[in-house]
Amino acid sequence: MIEEFYKKINGNYELAISRMQNDERIKKYLNFFLIDESYKQLEEAIKNRDCESAFRGAHTLKGVCQNMAFTELSEVVEQITEELRAKQFEKAKETFSIVSLKYQKVIDEINQII
């Protein structure tokens, strides 16, 4: 079930299981992901054109995604993080639409298994 989730989101189950040791522990952290505020911080900051807050939200979300081995989402969040670091707000705003789609896919898949 958890391995299938990782396939659906183009994540890395092997890496996740090596870090968290079992599916039950992964499920516990999936629940934490659902309540993590970093995506909301990023979204609000993009709406408010606040590059600094957007960077902080993106950077935090990047770390969470990397720790959870959400490979596909992590890659695009890393991209937006670097755009915001370089103060390329308009480019980051465009990338945010991709982040949103991939983030929502992960959320939807988590909700199906929890």
PDB file of N, CA and C in Angstrom:
ATOM      1  N   MET A   1       0.828  -1.188   0.000  1.00  0.00           N
ATOM      2  CA  MET A   1       0.000   0.000   0.000  1.00  0.00           C
ATOM      3  C   MET A   1       0.878   1.259   0.000  1.00  0.00           C
ATOM      4  N   ILE A   2       1.844   1.360   0.890  1.00  0.00           N
ATOM      5  CA  ILE A   2       2.737   2.513   0.943  1.00  0.00           C
ATOM      6  C   ILE A   2       3.657   2.518  -0.277  1.00  0.00           C
ATOM      7  N   GLU A   3       4.131   1.352  -0.658  1.00  0.00           N
ATOM      8  CA  GLU A   3       4.996   1.270  -1.833  1.00  0.00           C
ATOM      9  C   GLU A   3       4.239   1.732  -3.082  1.00  0.00           C
ATOM     10  N   GLU A   4       2.992   1.356  -3.187  1.00  0.00           N
ATOM     11  CA  GLU A   4       2.148   1.787  -4.313  1.00  0.00           C
ATOM     12  C   GLU A   4       1.961   3.306  -4.302  1.00  0.00           C
ATOM     13  N   PHE A   5       1.767   3.881  -3.112  1.00  0.00           N
ATOM     14  CA  PHE A   5       1.655   5.331  -2.966  1.00  0.00           C
ATOM     15  C   PHE A   5       2.894   6.004  -3.561  1.00  0.00           C
ATOM     16  N   TYR A   6       4.065   5.521  -3.211  1.00  0.00           N
ATOM     17  CA  TYR A   6       5.310   6.112  -3.707  1.00  0.00           C
ATOM     18  C   TYR A   6       5.427   5.994  -5.228  1.00  0.00           C
ATOM     19  N   LYS A   7       4.944   4.901  -5.783  1.00  0.00           N
ATOM     20  CA  LYS A   7       4.943   4.762  -7.243  1.00  0.00           C
ATOM     21  C   LYS A   7       4.029   5.802  -7.877  1.00  0.00           C
ATOM     22  N   LYS A   8       2.855   6.001  -7.302  1.00  0.00           N
ATOM     23  CA  LYS A   8       1.884   6.950  -7.859  1.00  0.00           C
ATOM     24  C   LYS A   8       2.383   8.389  -7.837  1.00  0.00           C
ATOM     25  N   ILE A   9       3.180   8.736  -6.852  1.00  0.00           N
ATOM     26  CA  ILE A   9       3.665  10.120  -6.755  1.00  0.00           C
ATOM     27  C   ILE A   9       5.084  10.278  -7.307  1.00  0.00           C
ATOM     28  N   ASN A  10       5.603   9.217  -7.910  1.00  0.00           N
ATOM     29  CA  ASN A  10       6.973   9.223  -8.433  1.00  0.00           C
ATOM     30  C   ASN A  10       7.974   9.565  -7.331  1.00  0.00           C
ATOM     31  N   GLY A  11       7.791   8.885  -6.222  1.00  0.00           N
ATOM     32  CA  GLY A  11       8.696   9.030  -5.088  1.00  0.00           C
ATOM     33  C   GLY A  11       9.660   7.864  -5.030  1.00  0.00           C
ATOM     34  N   ASN A  12      10.425   7.806  -3.965  1.00  0.00           N
ATOM     35  CA  ASN A  12      11.447   6.763  -3.816  1.00  0.00           C
ATOM     36  C   ASN A  12      11.141   5.963  -2.541  1.00  0.00           C
ATOM     37  N   TYR A  13      10.371   4.891  -2.704  1.00  0.00           N
ATOM     38  CA  TYR A  13       9.979   4.069  -1.562  1.00  0.00           C
ATOM     39  C   TYR A  13      11.187   3.467  -0.855  1.00  0.00           C
ATOM     40  N   GLU A  14      12.158   3.002  -1.631  1.00  0.00           N
ATOM     41  CA  GLU A  14      13.336   2.356  -1.031  1.00  0.00           C
ATOM     42  C   GLU A  14      14.071   3.323  -0.097  1.00  0.00           C
ATOM     43  N   LEU A  15      14.194   4.565  -0.527  1.00  0.00           N
ATOM     44  CA  LEU A  15      14.849   5.577   0.302  1.00  0.00           C
ATOM     45  C   LEU A  15      14.013   5.869   1.545  1.00  0.00           C
ATOM     46  N   ALA A  16      12.711   5.996   1.357  1.00  0.00           N
ATOM     47  CA  ALA A  16      11.815   6.269   2.495  1.00  0.00           C
ATOM     48  C   ALA A  16      11.883   5.142   3.526  1.00  0.00           C
ATOM     49  N   ILE A  17      11.835   3.911   3.071  1.00  0.00           N
ATOM     50  CA  ILE A  17      11.851   2.775   3.994  1.00  0.00           C
ATOM     51  C   ILE A  17      13.220   2.662   4.670  1.00  0.00           C
ATOM     52  N   SER A  18      14.292   3.029   3.975  1.00  0.00           N
ATOM     53  CA  SER A  18      15.611   2.975   4.600  1.00  0.00           C
ATOM     54  C   SER A  18      15.722   4.028   5.712  1.00  0.00           C
ATOM     55  N   ARG A  19      15.024   5.137   5.560  1.00  0.00           N
ATOM     56  CA  ARG A  19      15.058   6.183   6.580  1.00  0.00           C
ATOM     57  C   ARG A  19      14.103   5.904   7.735  1.00  0.00           C
ATOM     58  N   MET A  20      12.916   5.397   7.408  1.00  0.00           N
ATOM     59  CA  MET A  20      11.871   5.283   8.428  1.00  0.00           C
ATOM     60  C   MET A  20      11.608   3.852   8.883  1.00  0.00           C
ATOM     61  N   GLN A  21      12.249   2.887   8.277  1.00  0.00           N
ATOM     62  CA  GLN A  21      12.284   1.483   8.677  1.00  0.00           C
ATOM     63  C   GLN A  21      11.045   0.643   8.426  1.00  0.00           C
ATOM     64  N   ASN A  22       9.844   1.227   8.455  1.00  0.00           N
ATOM     65  CA  ASN A  22       8.655   0.412   8.178  1.00  0.00           C
ATOM     66  C   ASN A  22       7.500   1.286   7.693  1.00  0.00           C
ATOM     67  N   ASP A  23       6.497   0.618   7.115  1.00  0.00           N
ATOM     68  CA  ASP A  23       5.356   1.337   6.540  1.00  0.00           C
ATOM     69  C   ASP A  23       4.551   2.101   7.585  1.00  0.00           C
ATOM     70  N   GLU A  24       4.433   1.564   8.772  1.00  0.00           N
ATOM     71  CA  GLU A  24       3.667   2.257   9.820  1.00  0.00           C
ATOM     72  C   GLU A  24       4.312   3.594  10.179  1.00  0.00           C
ATOM     73  N   ARG A  25       5.597   3.593  10.238  1.00  0.00           N
ATOM     74  CA  ARG A  25       6.302   4.843  10.543  1.00  0.00           C
ATOM     75  C   ARG A  25       6.152   5.839   9.395  1.00  0.00           C
ATOM     76  N   ILE A  26       6.214   5.347   8.166  1.00  0.00           N
ATOM     77  CA  ILE A  26       5.997   6.221   7.012  1.00  0.00           C
ATOM     78  C   ILE A  26       4.605   6.829   7.103  1.00  0.00           C
ATOM     79  N   LYS A  27       3.600   6.006   7.419  1.00  0.00           N
ATOM     80  CA  LYS A  27       2.226   6.529   7.545  1.00  0.00           C
ATOM     81  C   LYS A  27       2.138   7.629   8.599  1.00  0.00           C
ATOM     82  N   LYS A  28       2.853   7.452   9.685  1.00  0.00           N
ATOM     83  CA  LYS A  28       2.876   8.469  10.735  1.00  0.00           C
ATOM     84  C   LYS A  28       3.390   9.792  10.174  1.00  0.00           C
ATOM     85  N   TYR A  29       4.462   9.728   9.395  1.00  0.00           N
ATOM     86  CA  TYR A  29       5.029  10.945   8.818  1.00  0.00           C
ATOM     87  C   TYR A  29       4.179  11.501   7.677  1.00  0.00           C
ATOM     88  N   LEU A  30       3.437  10.656   7.005  1.00  0.00           N
ATOM     89  CA  LEU A  30       2.496  11.152   5.993  1.00  0.00           C
ATOM     90  C   LEU A  30       1.422  12.012   6.666  1.00  0.00           C
ATOM     91  N   ASN A  31       0.991  11.592   7.849  1.00  0.00           N
ATOM     92  CA  ASN A  31       0.029  12.405   8.610  1.00  0.00           C
ATOM     93  C   ASN A  31       0.625  13.761   8.977  1.00  0.00           C
ATOM     94  N   PHE A  32       1.891  13.760   9.371  1.00  0.00           N
ATOM     95  CA  PHE A  32       2.564  15.022   9.686  1.00  0.00           C
ATOM     96  C   PHE A  32       2.637  15.916   8.449  1.00  0.00           C
ATOM     97  N   PHE A  33       2.870  15.302   7.284  1.00  0.00           N
ATOM     98  CA  PHE A  33       2.955  16.074   6.047  1.00  0.00           C
ATOM     99  C   PHE A  33       1.639  16.808   5.787  1.00  0.00           C
ATOM    100  N   LEU A  34       0.527  16.152   6.087  1.00  0.00           N
ATOM    101  CA  LEU A  34      -0.783  16.773   5.866  1.00  0.00           C
ATOM    102  C   LEU A  34      -0.971  18.055   6.672  1.00  0.00           C
ATOM    103  N   ILE A  35      -0.326  18.153   7.822  1.00  0.00           N
ATOM    104  CA  ILE A  35      -0.510  19.340   8.664  1.00  0.00           C
ATOM    105  C   ILE A  35       0.675  20.307   8.597  1.00  0.00           C
ATOM    106  N   ASP A  36       1.679  19.969   7.821  1.00  0.00           N
ATOM    107  CA  ASP A  36       2.828  20.856   7.657  1.00  0.00           C
ATOM    108  C   ASP A  36       2.371  22.168   7.012  1.00  0.00           C
ATOM    109  N   GLU A  37       2.859  23.287   7.519  1.00  0.00           N
ATOM    110  CA  GLU A  37       2.416  24.612   7.083  1.00  0.00           C
ATOM    111  C   GLU A  37       3.296  25.239   5.995  1.00  0.00           C
ATOM    112  N   SER A  38       4.368  24.597   5.598  1.00  0.00           N
ATOM    113  CA  SER A  38       5.305  25.241   4.677  1.00  0.00           C
ATOM    114  C   SER A  38       4.697  25.525   3.300  1.00  0.00           C
ATOM    115  N   TYR A  39       3.847  24.626   2.789  1.00  0.00           N
ATOM    116  CA  TYR A  39       3.205  24.892   1.500  1.00  0.00           C
ATOM    117  C   TYR A  39       2.285  26.102   1.612  1.00  0.00           C
ATOM    118  N   LYS A  40       1.519  26.168   2.689  1.00  0.00           N
ATOM    119  CA  LYS A  40       0.612  27.309   2.878  1.00  0.00           C
ATOM    120  C   LYS A  40       1.396  28.611   2.977  1.00  0.00           C
ATOM    121  N   GLN A  41       2.538  28.573   3.666  1.00  0.00           N
ATOM    122  CA  GLN A  41       3.379  29.763   3.762  1.00  0.00           C
ATOM    123  C   GLN A  41       3.857  30.183   2.370  1.00  0.00           C
ATOM    124  N   LEU A  42       4.291  29.229   1.578  1.00  0.00           N
ATOM    125  CA  LEU A  42       4.740  29.508   0.219  1.00  0.00           C
ATOM    126  C   LEU A  42       3.601  30.093  -0.613  1.00  0.00           C
ATOM    127  N   GLU A  43       2.456  29.467  -0.538  1.00  0.00           N
ATOM    128  CA  GLU A  43       1.292  29.913  -1.321  1.00  0.00           C
ATOM    129  C   GLU A  43       0.891  31.350  -0.959  1.00  0.00           C
ATOM    130  N   GLU A  44       0.797  31.634   0.327  1.00  0.00           N
ATOM    131  CA  GLU A  44       0.424  32.986   0.782  1.00  0.00           C
ATOM    132  C   GLU A  44       1.470  34.017   0.354  1.00  0.00           C
ATOM    133  N   ALA A  45       2.721  33.661   0.490  1.00  0.00           N
ATOM    134  CA  ALA A  45       3.788  34.588   0.130  1.00  0.00           C
ATOM    135  C   ALA A  45       3.799  34.877  -1.370  1.00  0.00           C
ATOM    136  N   ILE A  46       3.519  33.875  -2.173  1.00  0.00           N
ATOM    137  CA  ILE A  46       3.423  34.095  -3.626  1.00  0.00           C
ATOM    138  C   ILE A  46       2.268  35.051  -3.910  1.00  0.00           C
ATOM    139  N   LYS A  47       1.118  34.824  -3.282  1.00  0.00           N
ATOM    140  CA  LYS A  47      -0.036  35.713  -3.477  1.00  0.00           C
ATOM    141  C   LYS A  47       0.288  37.146  -3.065  1.00  0.00           C
ATOM    142  N   ASN A  48       1.053  37.290  -1.992  1.00  0.00           N
ATOM    143  CA  ASN A  48       1.388  38.613  -1.468  1.00  0.00           C
ATOM    144  C   ASN A  48       2.661  39.202  -2.070  1.00  0.00           C
ATOM    145  N   ARG A  49       3.257  38.479  -3.022  1.00  0.00           N
ATOM    146  CA  ARG A  49       4.489  38.924  -3.679  1.00  0.00           C
ATOM    147  C   ARG A  49       5.611  39.174  -2.674  1.00  0.00           C
ATOM    148  N   ASP A  50       5.689  38.309  -1.672  1.00  0.00           N
ATOM    149  CA  ASP A  50       6.696  38.415  -0.617  1.00  0.00           C
ATOM    150  C   ASP A  50       7.777  37.364  -0.888  1.00  0.00           C
ATOM    151  N   CYS A  51       8.795  37.772  -1.593  1.00  0.00           N
ATOM    152  CA  CYS A  51       9.836  36.842  -2.035  1.00  0.00           C
ATOM    153  C   CYS A  51      10.565  36.189  -0.860  1.00  0.00           C
ATOM    154  N   GLU A  52      10.834  36.948   0.177  1.00  0.00           N
ATOM    155  CA  GLU A  52      11.577  36.412   1.324  1.00  0.00           C
ATOM    156  C   GLU A  52      10.784  35.314   2.045  1.00  0.00           C
ATOM    157  N   SER A  53       9.513  35.580   2.324  1.00  0.00           N
ATOM    158  CA  SER A  53       8.674  34.563   2.981  1.00  0.00           C
ATOM    159  C   SER A  53       8.438  33.366   2.071  1.00  0.00           C
ATOM    160  N   ALA A  54       8.305  33.630   0.778  1.00  0.00           N
ATOM    161  CA  ALA A  54       8.129  32.536  -0.180  1.00  0.00           C
ATOM    162  C   ALA A  54       9.362  31.633  -0.167  1.00  0.00           C
ATOM    163  N   PHE A  55      10.535  32.247  -0.121  1.00  0.00           N
ATOM    164  CA  PHE A  55      11.767  31.460  -0.071  1.00  0.00           C
ATOM    165  C   PHE A  55      11.799  30.582   1.175  1.00  0.00           C
ATOM    166  N   ARG A  56      11.451  31.157   2.328  1.00  0.00           N
ATOM    167  CA  ARG A  56      11.468  30.366   3.574  1.00  0.00           C
ATOM    168  C   ARG A  56      10.495  29.191   3.487  1.00  0.00           C
ATOM    169  N   GLY A  57       9.292  29.446   2.979  1.00  0.00           N
ATOM    170  CA  GLY A  57       8.315  28.367   2.835  1.00  0.00           C
ATOM    171  C   GLY A  57       8.789  27.293   1.877  1.00  0.00           C
ATOM    172  N   ALA A  58       9.334  27.720   0.739  1.00  0.00           N
ATOM    173  CA  ALA A  58       9.822  26.767  -0.262  1.00  0.00           C
ATOM    174  C   ALA A  58      10.998  25.961   0.278  1.00  0.00           C
ATOM    175  N   HIS A  59      11.905  26.623   0.955  1.00  0.00           N
ATOM    176  CA  HIS A  59      13.086  25.946   1.492  1.00  0.00           C
ATOM    177  C   HIS A  59      12.693  24.889   2.526  1.00  0.00           C
ATOM    178  N   THR A  60      11.741  25.236   3.385  1.00  0.00           N
ATOM    179  CA  THR A  60      11.256  24.273   4.382  1.00  0.00           C
ATOM    180  C   THR A  60      10.552  23.105   3.701  1.00  0.00           C
ATOM    181  N   LEU A  61       9.675  23.418   2.738  1.00  0.00           N
ATOM    182  CA  LEU A  61       8.944  22.371   2.016  1.00  0.00           C
ATOM    183  C   LEU A  61       9.920  21.456   1.276  1.00  0.00           C
ATOM    184  N   LYS A  62      10.956  22.034   0.715  1.00  0.00           N
ATOM    185  CA  LYS A  62      11.969  21.230   0.016  1.00  0.00           C
ATOM    186  C   LYS A  62      12.574  20.200   0.966  1.00  0.00           C
ATOM    187  N   GLY A  63      12.934  20.632   2.152  1.00  0.00           N
ATOM    188  CA  GLY A  63      13.524  19.717   3.129  1.00  0.00           C
ATOM    189  C   GLY A  63      12.573  18.610   3.536  1.00  0.00           C
ATOM    190  N   VAL A  64      11.328  18.976   3.751  1.00  0.00           N
ATOM    191  CA  VAL A  64      10.317  17.977   4.129  1.00  0.00           C
ATOM    192  C   VAL A  64      10.149  16.953   3.010  1.00  0.00           C
ATOM    193  N   CYS A  65      10.038  17.441   1.772  1.00  0.00           N
ATOM    194  CA  CYS A  65       9.856  16.533   0.632  1.00  0.00           C
ATOM    195  C   CYS A  65      11.072  15.626   0.436  1.00  0.00           C
ATOM    196  N   GLN A  66      12.259  16.175   0.626  1.00  0.00           N
ATOM    197  CA  GLN A  66      13.460  15.357   0.490  1.00  0.00           C
ATOM    198  C   GLN A  66      13.507  14.294   1.582  1.00  0.00           C
ATOM    199  N   ASN A  67      13.172  14.670   2.806  1.00  0.00           N
ATOM    200  CA  ASN A  67      13.169  13.700   3.910  1.00  0.00           C
ATOM    201  C   ASN A  67      12.147  12.596   3.693  1.00  0.00           C
ATOM    202  N   MET A  68      11.019  12.939   3.084  1.00  0.00           N
ATOM    203  CA  MET A  68       9.969  11.947   2.839  1.00  0.00           C
ATOM    204  C   MET A  68      10.206  11.156   1.554  1.00  0.00           C
ATOM    205  N   ALA A  69      11.229  11.536   0.785  1.00  0.00           N
ATOM    206  CA  ALA A  69      11.566  10.887  -0.490  1.00  0.00           C
ATOM    207  C   ALA A  69      10.465  11.062  -1.529  1.00  0.00           C
ATOM    208  N   PHE A  70       9.848  12.243  -1.531  1.00  0.00           N
ATOM    209  CA  PHE A  70       8.856  12.614  -2.540  1.00  0.00           C
ATOM    210  C   PHE A  70       9.627  13.197  -3.733  1.00  0.00           C
ATOM    211  N   THR A  71      10.273  12.369  -4.494  1.00  0.00           N
ATOM    212  CA  THR A  71      11.245  12.775  -5.501  1.00  0.00           C
ATOM    213  C   THR A  71      10.704  13.810  -6.486  1.00  0.00           C
ATOM    214  N   GLU A  72       9.597  13.514  -7.126  1.00  0.00           N
ATOM    215  CA  GLU A  72       9.067  14.411  -8.156  1.00  0.00           C
ATOM    216  C   GLU A  72       8.697  15.775  -7.568  1.00  0.00           C
ATOM    217  N   LEU A  73       7.996  15.788  -6.461  1.00  0.00           N
ATOM    218  CA  LEU A  73       7.628  17.042  -5.813  1.00  0.00           C
ATOM    219  C   LEU A  73       8.876  17.761  -5.324  1.00  0.00           C
ATOM    220  N   SER A  74       9.792  17.047  -4.748  1.00  0.00           N
ATOM    221  CA  SER A  74      11.028  17.628  -4.230  1.00  0.00           C
ATOM    222  C   SER A  74      11.804  18.365  -5.318  1.00  0.00           C
ATOM    223  N   GLU A  75      11.873  17.788  -6.500  1.00  0.00           N
ATOM    224  CA  GLU A  75      12.631  18.400  -7.595  1.00  0.00           C
ATOM    225  C   GLU A  75      12.059  19.754  -7.998  1.00  0.00           C
ATOM    226  N   VAL A  76      10.748  19.850  -8.116  1.00  0.00           N
ATOM    227  CA  VAL A  76      10.146  21.117  -8.521  1.00  0.00           C
ATOM    228  C   VAL A  76      10.182  22.135  -7.379  1.00  0.00           C
ATOM    229  N   VAL A  77      10.101  21.663  -6.145  1.00  0.00           N
ATOM    230  CA  VAL A  77      10.222  22.573  -5.006  1.00  0.00           C
ATOM    231  C   VAL A  77      11.657  23.083  -4.905  1.00  0.00           C
ATOM    232  N   GLU A  78      12.612  22.243  -5.234  1.00  0.00           N
ATOM    233  CA  GLU A  78      14.008  22.695  -5.261  1.00  0.00           C
ATOM    234  C   GLU A  78      14.192  23.775  -6.323  1.00  0.00           C
ATOM    235  N   GLN A  79      13.544  23.601  -7.457  1.00  0.00           N
ATOM    236  CA  GLN A  79      13.621  24.591  -8.536  1.00  0.00           C
ATOM    237  C   GLN A  79      13.072  25.948  -8.076  1.00  0.00           C
ATOM    238  N   ILE A  80      11.888  25.952  -7.469  1.00  0.00           N
ATOM    239  CA  ILE A  80      11.308  27.216  -7.025  1.00  0.00           C
ATOM    240  C   ILE A  80      12.134  27.844  -5.904  1.00  0.00           C
ATOM    241  N   THR A  81      12.708  27.015  -5.067  1.00  0.00           N
ATOM    242  CA  THR A  81      13.577  27.523  -3.996  1.00  0.00           C
ATOM    243  C   THR A  81      14.750  28.294  -4.585  1.00  0.00           C
ATOM    244  N   GLU A  82      15.368  27.724  -5.599  1.00  0.00           N
ATOM    245  CA  GLU A  82      16.522  28.388  -6.220  1.00  0.00           C
ATOM    246  C   GLU A  82      16.104  29.648  -6.971  1.00  0.00           C
ATOM    247  N   GLU A  83      14.945  29.637  -7.590  1.00  0.00           N
ATOM    248  CA  GLU A  83      14.450  30.847  -8.262  1.00  0.00           C
ATOM    249  C   GLU A  83      14.209  31.960  -7.251  1.00  0.00           C
ATOM    250  N   LEU A  84      13.626  31.607  -6.122  1.00  0.00           N
ATOM    251  CA  LEU A  84      13.379  32.607  -5.082  1.00  0.00           C
ATOM    252  C   LEU A  84      14.686  33.082  -4.446  1.00  0.00           C
ATOM    253  N   ARG A  85      15.623  32.201  -4.271  1.00  0.00           N
ATOM    254  CA  ARG A  85      16.936  32.582  -3.729  1.00  0.00           C
ATOM    255  C   ARG A  85      17.587  33.637  -4.646  1.00  0.00           C
ATOM    256  N   ALA A  86      17.395  33.459  -5.958  1.00  0.00           N
ATOM    257  CA  ALA A  86      17.964  34.376  -6.947  1.00  0.00           C
ATOM    258  C   ALA A  86      17.064  35.597  -7.177  1.00  0.00           C
ATOM    259  N   LYS A  87      15.983  35.698  -6.391  1.00  0.00           N
ATOM    260  CA  LYS A  87      15.038  36.822  -6.500  1.00  0.00           C
ATOM    261  C   LYS A  87      14.357  36.890  -7.867  1.00  0.00           C
ATOM    262  N   GLN A  88      14.170  35.729  -8.484  1.00  0.00           N
ATOM    263  CA  GLN A  88      13.471  35.640  -9.771  1.00  0.00           C
ATOM    264  C   GLN A  88      11.994  35.361  -9.505  1.00  0.00           C
ATOM    265  N   PHE A  89      11.309  36.355  -8.963  1.00  0.00           N
ATOM    266  CA  PHE A  89       9.954  36.147  -8.468  1.00  0.00           C
ATOM    267  C   PHE A  89       8.984  35.748  -9.578  1.00  0.00           C
ATOM    268  N   GLU A  90       9.036  36.405 -10.727  1.00  0.00           N
ATOM    269  CA  GLU A  90       8.088  36.086 -11.807  1.00  0.00           C
ATOM    270  C   GLU A  90       8.269  34.647 -12.289  1.00  0.00           C
ATOM    271  N   LYS A  91       9.501  34.217 -12.390  1.00  0.00           N
ATOM    272  CA  LYS A  91       9.788  32.830 -12.783  1.00  0.00           C
ATOM    273  C   LYS A  91       9.268  31.869 -11.706  1.00  0.00           C
ATOM    274  N   ALA A  92       9.504  32.224 -10.448  1.00  0.00           N
ATOM    275  CA  ALA A  92       9.035  31.396  -9.328  1.00  0.00           C
ATOM    276  C   ALA A  92       7.514  31.315  -9.313  1.00  0.00           C
ATOM    277  N   LYS A  93       6.877  32.409  -9.636  1.00  0.00           N
ATOM    278  CA  LYS A  93       5.408  32.433  -9.681  1.00  0.00           C
ATOM    279  C   LYS A  93       4.891  31.433 -10.720  1.00  0.00           C
ATOM    280  N   GLU A  94       5.557  31.361 -11.854  1.00  0.00           N
ATOM    281  CA  GLU A  94       5.185  30.381 -12.879  1.00  0.00           C
ATOM    282  C   GLU A  94       5.435  28.958 -12.383  1.00  0.00           C
ATOM    283  N   THR A  95       6.570  28.744 -11.762  1.00  0.00           N
ATOM    284  CA  THR A  95       6.918  27.415 -11.243  1.00  0.00           C
ATOM    285  C   THR A  95       5.949  26.995 -10.149  1.00  0.00           C
ATOM    286  N   PHE A  96       5.429  27.956  -9.404  1.00  0.00           N
ATOM    287  CA  PHE A  96       4.501  27.629  -8.323  1.00  0.00           C
ATOM    288  C   PHE A  96       3.277  26.873  -8.833  1.00  0.00           C
ATOM    289  N   SER A  97       2.821  27.160 -10.047  1.00  0.00           N
ATOM    290  CA  SER A  97       1.657  26.428 -10.574  1.00  0.00           C
ATOM    291  C   SER A  97       1.975  24.940 -10.717  1.00  0.00           C
ATOM    292  N   ILE A  98       3.212  24.613 -11.076  1.00  0.00           N
ATOM    293  CA  ILE A  98       3.628  23.210 -11.174  1.00  0.00           C
ATOM    294  C   ILE A  98       3.747  22.603  -9.777  1.00  0.00           C
ATOM    295  N   VAL A  99       4.342  23.372  -8.853  1.00  0.00           N
ATOM    296  CA  VAL A  99       4.453  22.918  -7.460  1.00  0.00           C
ATOM    297  C   VAL A  99       3.063  22.584  -6.931  1.00  0.00           C
ATOM    298  N   SER A 100       2.104  23.458  -7.177  1.00  0.00           N
ATOM    299  CA  SER A 100       0.739  23.256  -6.671  1.00  0.00           C
ATOM    300  C   SER A 100       0.119  21.964  -7.186  1.00  0.00           C
ATOM    301  N   LEU A 101       0.285  21.703  -8.467  1.00  0.00           N
ATOM    302  CA  LEU A 101      -0.279  20.478  -9.059  1.00  0.00           C
ATOM    303  C   LEU A 101       0.349  19.228  -8.442  1.00  0.00           C
ATOM    304  N   LYS A 102       1.654  19.233  -8.332  1.00  0.00           N
ATOM    305  CA  LYS A 102       2.347  18.058  -7.790  1.00  0.00           C
ATOM    306  C   LYS A 102       2.082  17.902  -6.283  1.00  0.00           C
ATOM    307  N   TYR A 103       2.004  19.013  -5.577  1.00  0.00           N
ATOM    308  CA  TYR A 103       1.686  18.980  -4.147  1.00  0.00           C
ATOM    309  C   TYR A 103       0.282  18.399  -3.947  1.00  0.00           C
ATOM    310  N   GLN A 104      -0.683  18.875  -4.730  1.00  0.00           N
ATOM    311  CA  GLN A 104      -2.058  18.392  -4.586  1.00  0.00           C
ATOM    312  C   GLN A 104      -2.159  16.905  -4.903  1.00  0.00           C
ATOM    313  N   LYS A 105      -1.386  16.445  -5.878  1.00  0.00           N
ATOM    314  CA  LYS A 105      -1.360  15.015  -6.200  1.00  0.00           C
ATOM    315  C   LYS A 105      -0.899  14.203  -4.991  1.00  0.00           C
ATOM    316  N   VAL A 106       0.157  14.668  -4.325  1.00  0.00           N
ATOM    317  CA  VAL A 106       0.664  13.975  -3.132  1.00  0.00           C
ATOM    318  C   VAL A 106      -0.394  13.980  -2.033  1.00  0.00           C
ATOM    319  N   ILE A 107      -1.005  15.128  -1.793  1.00  0.00           N
ATOM    320  CA  ILE A 107      -2.045  15.234  -0.760  1.00  0.00           C
ATOM    321  C   ILE A 107      -3.202  14.290  -1.064  1.00  0.00           C
ATOM    322  N   ASP A 108      -3.647  14.279  -2.307  1.00  0.00           N
ATOM    323  CA  ASP A 108      -4.760  13.392  -2.697  1.00  0.00           C
ATOM    324  C   ASP A 108      -4.410  11.926  -2.464  1.00  0.00           C
ATOM    325  N   GLU A 109      -3.204  11.547  -2.826  1.00  0.00           N
ATOM    326  CA  GLU A 109      -2.787  10.142  -2.641  1.00  0.00           C
ATOM    327  C   GLU A 109      -2.627   9.794  -1.170  1.00  0.00           C
ATOM    328  N   ILE A 110      -2.129  10.726  -0.367  1.00  0.00           N
ATOM    329  CA  ILE A 110      -2.034  10.473   1.077  1.00  0.00           C
ATOM    330  C   ILE A 110      -3.426  10.268   1.636  1.00  0.00           C
ATOM    331  N   ASN A 111      -4.351  11.115   1.269  1.00  0.00           N
ATOM    332  CA  ASN A 111      -5.724  11.005   1.786  1.00  0.00           C
ATOM    333  C   ASN A 111      -6.388   9.683   1.402  1.00  0.00           C
ATOM    334  N   GLN A 112      -5.974   9.090   0.304  1.00  0.00           N
ATOM    335  CA  GLN A 112      -6.547   7.794  -0.095  1.00  0.00           C
ATOM    336  C   GLN A 112      -6.027   6.639   0.736  1.00  0.00           C
ATOM    337  N   ILE A 113      -4.855   6.774   1.330  1.00  0.00           N
ATOM    338  CA  ILE A 113      -4.318   5.641   2.102  1.00  0.00           C
ATOM    339  C   ILE A 113      -4.405   5.837   3.605  1.00  0.00           C
ATOM    340  N   ILE A 114      -4.733   7.007   4.045  1.00  0.00           N
ATOM    341  CA  ILE A 114      -4.802   7.279   5.501  1.00  0.00           C
ATOM    342  C   ILE A 114      -6.240   7.104   5.975  1.00  0.00           C
TER     343      ILE A 114
END
